[in-house]
N, C-alpha and C. Protein backbone atom coordinates (compact mmCIF):
# COMPACT_ATOMS: atom_id res chain seq x y z
N MET A 1 -43.39 13.98 5.76
CA MET A 1 -41.65 13.97 6.09
C MET A 1 -40.81 14.90 6.18
N LEU A 2 -41.48 16.28 5.43
CA LEU A 2 -40.61 17.27 6.16
C LEU A 2 -40.23 17.42 7.69
N SER A 3 -41.07 17.23 8.59
CA SER A 3 -41.10 17.15 9.86
C SER A 3 -40.09 15.90 10.37
N LEU A 4 -39.91 14.91 9.76
CA LEU A 4 -39.10 13.88 10.15
C LEU A 4 -37.62 14.46 9.81
N ILE A 5 -37.44 15.07 8.74
CA ILE A 5 -36.35 15.35 8.30
C ILE A 5 -35.81 16.54 9.18
N ALA A 6 -36.66 17.54 9.75
CA ALA A 6 -36.53 18.47 10.35
C ALA A 6 -36.07 17.84 11.76
N LEU A 7 -36.77 16.88 12.19
CA LEU A 7 -36.26 16.84 13.66
C LEU A 7 -34.88 15.80 13.54
N ILE A 8 -34.48 15.06 12.57
CA ILE A 8 -33.13 14.56 12.07
C ILE A 8 -32.40 15.48 12.16
N GLN A 9 -32.14 16.89 11.38
CA GLN A 9 -31.31 17.95 11.49
C GLN A 9 -31.34 18.55 13.18
N THR A 10 -32.39 18.65 13.70
CA THR A 10 -32.17 19.00 14.75
C THR A 10 -31.62 18.42 16.25
N ILE A 11 -31.78 16.89 15.93
CA ILE A 11 -31.01 16.12 16.81
C ILE A 11 -29.42 15.96 16.60
N LEU A 12 -29.11 16.21 14.76
CA LEU A 12 -27.86 16.46 14.64
C LEU A 12 -27.47 17.64 15.34
N GLU A 13 -28.07 18.66 15.15
CA GLU A 13 -27.48 19.82 15.69
C GLU A 13 -27.25 19.85 17.08
N ILE A 14 -28.08 19.18 18.08
CA ILE A 14 -27.93 19.10 19.37
C ILE A 14 -26.68 18.08 20.02
N LEU A 15 -26.38 16.89 18.88
CA LEU A 15 -25.27 16.42 19.22
C LEU A 15 -23.88 17.19 18.84
N ILE A 16 -23.89 17.90 17.93
CA ILE A 16 -22.90 18.78 17.39
C ILE A 16 -22.65 19.82 18.94
N TRP A 17 -23.66 20.48 19.20
CA TRP A 17 -23.15 21.24 20.60
C TRP A 17 -22.86 20.30 21.41
N LEU A 18 -23.49 19.05 21.98
CA LEU A 18 -23.10 18.17 23.07
C LEU A 18 -21.20 18.13 22.92
N LEU A 19 -20.98 17.75 21.59
CA LEU A 19 -19.66 17.40 21.18
C LEU A 19 -18.70 18.53 21.79
N ILE A 20 -18.98 19.61 21.57
CA ILE A 20 -18.29 21.00 21.77
C ILE A 20 -18.42 21.16 23.00
N ALA A 21 -19.54 20.76 23.73
CA ALA A 21 -19.65 21.52 25.13
C ALA A 21 -18.29 19.88 25.76
N SER A 22 -18.67 18.95 25.55
CA SER A 22 -17.59 17.68 26.14
C SER A 22 -16.13 18.27 25.71
N ALA A 23 -15.76 18.44 24.63
CA ALA A 23 -14.47 18.83 24.27
C ALA A 23 -14.12 20.29 25.25
N VAL A 24 -14.90 21.15 25.34
CA VAL A 24 -14.45 22.12 26.47
C VAL A 24 -14.33 21.85 27.69
N LEU A 25 -15.42 21.01 28.12
CA LEU A 25 -15.14 20.65 29.55
C LEU A 25 -13.79 19.85 29.87
N SER A 26 -13.69 19.01 28.85
CA SER A 26 -12.46 18.17 29.16
C SER A 26 -11.29 19.22 29.02
N TRP A 27 -11.27 19.87 28.28
CA TRP A 27 -9.91 21.24 28.38
C TRP A 27 -9.86 21.79 29.87
N LEU A 28 -11.12 22.02 30.23
CA LEU A 28 -11.19 22.88 31.35
C LEU A 28 -11.02 21.83 32.55
N VAL A 29 -11.32 20.72 32.35
CA VAL A 29 -10.72 19.88 33.65
C VAL A 29 -9.06 19.70 33.45
N ALA A 30 -8.73 19.22 32.87
CA ALA A 30 -7.34 18.89 32.25
C ALA A 30 -6.20 20.18 32.65
N PHE A 31 -6.93 21.68 32.43
CA PHE A 31 -6.24 22.49 32.63
C PHE A 31 -6.49 22.85 34.19
N ASN A 32 -6.86 22.06 34.78
CA ASN A 32 -7.49 22.39 36.20
C ASN A 32 -8.08 23.97 36.73
N VAL A 33 -8.97 24.41 35.54
CA VAL A 33 -9.82 25.52 35.69
C VAL A 33 -10.95 25.14 36.76
N ILE A 34 -11.64 23.92 36.03
CA ILE A 34 -12.83 23.39 37.47
C ILE A 34 -12.10 22.34 37.27
N ASN A 35 -12.78 21.73 38.81
CA ASN A 35 -12.77 20.45 39.53
C ASN A 35 -13.48 19.35 39.04
N THR A 36 -13.09 18.34 39.07
CA THR A 36 -14.51 17.26 39.08
C THR A 36 -15.20 16.88 40.16
N ARG A 37 -14.20 17.12 41.42
CA ARG A 37 -14.76 16.94 42.57
C ARG A 37 -15.78 17.68 43.08
N ASN A 38 -16.11 18.56 42.56
CA ASN A 38 -17.69 19.51 42.46
C ASN A 38 -18.33 18.73 41.91
N ARG A 39 -19.83 18.35 42.67
CA ARG A 39 -20.75 17.29 42.14
C ARG A 39 -21.17 17.51 40.84
N VAL A 40 -21.67 18.79 40.86
CA VAL A 40 -22.54 19.52 39.39
C VAL A 40 -21.46 19.30 38.45
N VAL A 41 -20.26 19.79 38.51
CA VAL A 41 -19.39 19.27 37.34
C VAL A 41 -19.23 18.04 37.16
N TYR A 42 -19.07 17.28 37.69
CA TYR A 42 -18.92 16.02 38.03
C TYR A 42 -20.21 14.92 37.20
N MET A 43 -21.44 15.50 37.30
CA MET A 43 -22.76 15.31 37.11
C MET A 43 -22.75 15.45 35.77
N ILE A 44 -22.46 16.91 34.77
CA ILE A 44 -22.64 17.37 33.40
C ILE A 44 -21.43 16.67 32.82
N GLY A 45 -20.04 16.60 33.17
CA GLY A 45 -19.08 15.55 32.63
C GLY A 45 -19.75 14.27 32.73
N ASP A 46 -20.25 13.46 33.48
CA ASP A 46 -20.77 12.03 33.36
C ASP A 46 -21.51 11.89 32.11
N PHE A 47 -22.58 12.88 32.44
CA PHE A 47 -23.48 12.94 31.44
C PHE A 47 -23.18 13.29 30.00
N LEU A 48 -22.32 14.11 29.90
CA LEU A 48 -21.36 14.36 28.47
C LEU A 48 -20.86 12.92 27.59
N GLU A 49 -20.13 12.79 28.89
CA GLU A 49 -19.37 11.59 28.15
C GLU A 49 -19.98 10.25 27.99
N ARG A 50 -21.27 9.88 28.71
CA ARG A 50 -22.34 8.86 28.55
C ARG A 50 -22.90 9.18 27.01
N VAL A 51 -23.17 10.40 26.68
CA VAL A 51 -23.85 10.51 25.42
C VAL A 51 -22.97 10.74 24.45
N THR A 52 -21.58 11.28 24.57
CA THR A 52 -20.68 11.26 23.42
C THR A 52 -19.92 9.97 23.11
N ASP A 53 -19.29 9.73 24.17
CA ASP A 53 -18.49 8.19 24.10
C ASP A 53 -19.05 7.17 23.07
N PRO A 54 -19.91 6.58 23.28
CA PRO A 54 -20.32 5.77 22.67
C PRO A 54 -20.39 6.20 20.67
N LEU A 55 -20.38 7.31 20.56
CA LEU A 55 -20.35 7.87 19.19
C LEU A 55 -18.74 8.27 18.61
N LEU A 56 -17.50 8.31 19.81
CA LEU A 56 -16.53 8.57 19.29
C LEU A 56 -15.86 7.25 19.50
N ARG A 57 -16.23 6.43 20.44
CA ARG A 57 -15.35 5.37 20.59
C ARG A 57 -14.90 4.46 18.77
N PRO A 58 -15.80 4.53 18.10
CA PRO A 58 -15.43 4.03 16.73
C PRO A 58 -14.68 4.71 16.09
N ILE A 59 -14.49 5.89 16.07
CA ILE A 59 -13.48 6.93 15.51
C ILE A 59 -12.33 6.90 16.21
N ARG A 60 -12.27 7.13 17.34
CA ARG A 60 -11.11 6.73 18.17
C ARG A 60 -9.78 5.38 17.90
N GLY A 61 -10.90 4.49 17.41
CA GLY A 61 -10.37 2.99 17.01
C GLY A 61 -9.53 3.10 15.63
N ILE A 62 -10.03 3.79 14.70
CA ILE A 62 -9.91 4.27 13.47
C ILE A 62 -8.69 5.26 13.35
N LEU A 63 -8.35 6.22 14.03
CA LEU A 63 -7.42 7.12 14.25
C LEU A 63 -6.17 6.76 14.87
N PRO A 64 -5.30 7.43 14.16
CA PRO A 64 -3.88 6.99 14.95
C PRO A 64 -3.59 7.68 16.17
N ASN A 65 -2.79 7.22 16.50
CA ASN A 65 -2.38 7.89 18.01
C ASN A 65 -1.42 8.97 17.88
N LEU A 66 -2.07 10.33 18.10
CA LEU A 66 -1.43 11.51 17.98
C LEU A 66 -0.64 12.51 19.12
N GLY A 67 -0.57 11.15 19.98
CA GLY A 67 0.36 12.00 21.08
C GLY A 67 -0.55 12.68 22.13
N GLY A 68 -1.62 12.22 22.50
CA GLY A 68 -2.19 12.73 23.74
C GLY A 68 -3.33 13.72 23.02
N ILE A 69 -3.29 14.36 21.29
CA ILE A 69 -4.30 14.98 20.90
C ILE A 69 -5.38 14.09 20.39
N ASP A 70 -6.64 14.59 20.84
CA ASP A 70 -7.72 13.79 20.55
C ASP A 70 -8.53 14.69 19.58
N ILE A 71 -8.62 14.18 18.51
CA ILE A 71 -9.52 14.81 17.19
C ILE A 71 -10.60 14.20 16.93
N SER A 72 -11.11 13.00 17.25
CA SER A 72 -12.02 12.15 17.44
C SER A 72 -13.45 13.38 17.26
N PRO A 73 -13.60 14.38 18.13
CA PRO A 73 -14.59 15.35 18.37
C PRO A 73 -14.53 16.04 16.60
N ILE A 74 -13.72 16.14 16.36
CA ILE A 74 -13.91 17.66 15.68
C ILE A 74 -14.23 16.51 14.35
N VAL A 75 -13.45 15.34 13.88
CA VAL A 75 -13.77 14.19 13.09
C VAL A 75 -15.39 14.06 12.83
N LEU A 76 -16.00 13.93 13.86
CA LEU A 76 -17.36 13.45 13.94
C LEU A 76 -17.91 14.75 14.06
N ILE A 77 -17.74 16.13 14.21
CA ILE A 77 -18.53 16.97 14.07
C ILE A 77 -18.46 17.14 12.31
N LEU A 78 -17.29 17.04 11.59
CA LEU A 78 -17.27 17.23 10.28
C LEU A 78 -18.36 15.89 9.52
N LEU A 79 -18.31 14.96 10.40
CA LEU A 79 -19.25 14.23 9.64
C LEU A 79 -20.89 14.36 10.04
N LEU A 80 -21.06 14.72 11.11
CA LEU A 80 -22.26 15.01 11.15
C LEU A 80 -23.00 16.41 10.52
N SER A 81 -21.90 17.19 10.44
CA SER A 81 -22.23 18.57 9.65
C SER A 81 -22.59 18.15 7.90
N PHE A 82 -21.52 16.89 7.59
CA PHE A 82 -22.12 16.45 6.00
C PHE A 82 -23.17 15.98 5.93
N ALA A 83 -23.54 14.91 7.20
CA ALA A 83 -25.12 14.31 7.08
C ALA A 83 -26.16 15.78 7.26
N GLN A 84 -25.73 16.81 7.64
CA GLN A 84 -27.02 17.58 7.95
C GLN A 84 -27.04 18.65 6.06
N ASN A 85 -25.74 18.59 5.76
CA ASN A 85 -25.89 19.06 4.33
C ASN A 85 -26.45 18.24 3.51
N LEU A 86 -26.45 17.00 3.52
CA LEU A 86 -27.14 15.85 2.34
C LEU A 86 -28.36 15.84 2.76
N LEU A 87 -28.93 16.23 4.00
CA LEU A 87 -30.49 16.01 4.61
C LEU A 87 -30.88 17.51 3.83
N SER A 88 -30.48 18.45 4.24
CA SER A 88 -31.01 19.88 3.12
C SER A 88 -31.06 19.80 1.84
N GLU A 89 -29.94 19.06 1.31
CA GLU A 89 -29.89 18.86 0.10
C GLU A 89 -30.51 18.16 -0.70
N TYR A 90 -31.10 16.91 -0.38
CA TYR A 90 -32.09 16.07 -0.89
C TYR A 90 -33.67 16.35 -0.32
N THR A 91 -33.57 17.37 0.35
CA THR A 91 -35.13 17.90 0.81
C THR A 91 -36.01 18.64 0.07
N PRO A 92 -37.14 18.09 -0.51
CA PRO A 92 -37.58 18.80 -1.27
C PRO A 92 -37.91 20.30 -1.19
N ARG A 93 -37.75 21.07 -2.28
CA ARG A 93 -38.00 22.61 -1.90
C ARG A 93 -39.29 22.88 -1.75
N LEU A 94 -39.73 23.44 -0.71
CA LEU A 94 -41.16 23.85 -0.92
C LEU A 94 -41.16 25.47 -1.60
N VAL A 95 -42.56 25.53 -2.26
CA VAL A 95 -42.65 26.48 -3.14
C VAL A 95 -44.01 27.05 -2.67
N TYR A 96 -43.83 28.57 -2.27
CA TYR A 96 -44.75 29.57 -1.57
C TYR A 96 -45.56 30.41 -2.81
């Protein structure tokens, strides 16, 4: 059971890092630091969008329009962190 909880926590941690990478990439593209005409940048951006967009879409539907500022990644990161803390709280403590 502990292995399953460790796997879930690892997946949640990877999702958090993918959300951060997606947000940073979107900022770099928005400020023309990098260009999506570059094939590698496009492929990375497409991958990050395909992974994170299904998770962010329901949150974007609930949040009000803030004038071009998307805080849905922050909300999802907070929810994932809460889930991680909840899992670690209910994980049985090992005694050595």
